[in-house]
Amino acid sequence: MADGYIDATGQIVCPLHRYRFSLQNGRNTSGEGYYLKTYPIEHREDGIFIGLAPNSIFNW
């Protein structure tokens, strides 16, 4: 997905397999049954923040 792109319908597309995914929920929309992990985002005055789960191994 590193070189993926957003198509005209607003879906992210895998450049290798051409699988399509919803940006809202990460679900595969081209029928293969896969999904992408999604993260909550928040746009604030001082920047854009991405909600990441704490790392359970190192507890950072």
Protein backbone atom coordinates (compact mmCIF):
# COMPACT_ATOMS: atom_id res chain seq x y z
CA MET A 1 0.00 0.00 0.00
CA ALA A 2 3.03 2.28 0.16
CA ASP A 3 2.45 3.32 -3.46
CA GLY A 4 -1.34 3.06 -3.28
CA TYR A 5 -3.54 5.82 -4.57
CA ILE A 6 -7.02 7.22 -4.06
CA ASP A 7 -9.29 6.61 -7.06
CA ALA A 8 -12.11 8.80 -8.43
CA THR A 9 -14.64 7.20 -6.04
CA GLY A 10 -12.55 8.03 -2.96
CA GLN A 11 -11.27 4.53 -2.30
CA ILE A 12 -7.65 3.59 -1.69
CA VAL A 13 -6.28 1.16 -4.30
CA CYS A 14 -3.44 -1.34 -3.92
CA PRO A 15 -1.13 -0.75 -6.91
CA LEU A 16 0.02 -4.37 -6.99
CA HIS A 17 -3.31 -6.25 -6.81
CA ARG A 18 -5.78 -3.44 -7.64
CA TYR A 19 -7.81 -4.28 -4.53
CA ARG A 20 -9.94 -1.36 -3.36
CA PHE A 21 -10.61 -0.32 0.23
CA SER A 22 -12.87 2.17 1.98
CA LEU A 23 -11.01 5.04 3.65
CA GLN A 24 -13.75 5.27 6.29
CA ASN A 25 -13.56 1.72 7.68
CA GLY A 26 -10.76 -0.12 5.83
CA ARG A 27 -13.09 -2.76 4.38
CA ASN A 28 -12.34 -4.27 1.01
CA THR A 29 -14.85 -3.06 -1.58
CA SER A 30 -13.68 -5.08 -4.58
CA GLY A 31 -14.85 -8.42 -3.18
CA GLU A 32 -11.72 -10.20 -1.93
CA GLY A 33 -12.72 -10.06 1.76
CA TYR A 34 -9.64 -8.29 3.12
CA TYR A 35 -9.53 -5.22 5.31
CA LEU A 36 -6.99 -2.59 6.31
CA LYS A 37 -6.30 -1.52 9.85
CA THR A 38 -7.68 1.97 10.50
CA TYR A 39 -6.79 4.56 13.11
CA PRO A 40 -8.79 7.46 14.52
CA ILE A 41 -7.53 10.89 13.53
CA GLU A 42 -8.13 14.28 15.05
CA HIS A 43 -7.43 17.61 13.43
CA ARG A 44 -6.49 20.23 16.02
CA GLU A 45 -5.23 23.79 15.80
CA ASP A 46 -1.68 22.57 16.49
CA GLY A 47 -1.68 19.66 14.04
CA ILE A 48 -3.15 16.34 12.98
CA PHE A 49 -3.07 13.55 15.56
CA ILE A 50 -3.35 9.81 14.92
CA GLY A 51 -4.65 7.55 17.67
CA LEU A 52 -2.30 4.59 18.10
CA ALA A 53 -2.75 1.82 20.65
CA PRO A 54 -0.02 1.58 23.26
CA ASN A 55 2.62 -1.01 22.46
CA SER A 56 1.91 -3.92 24.79
CA ILE A 57 5.46 -5.29 24.64
CA PHE A 58 7.37 -2.17 25.72
CA ASN A 59 4.49 -0.08 27.14
CA TRP A 60 5.63 3.12 25.46
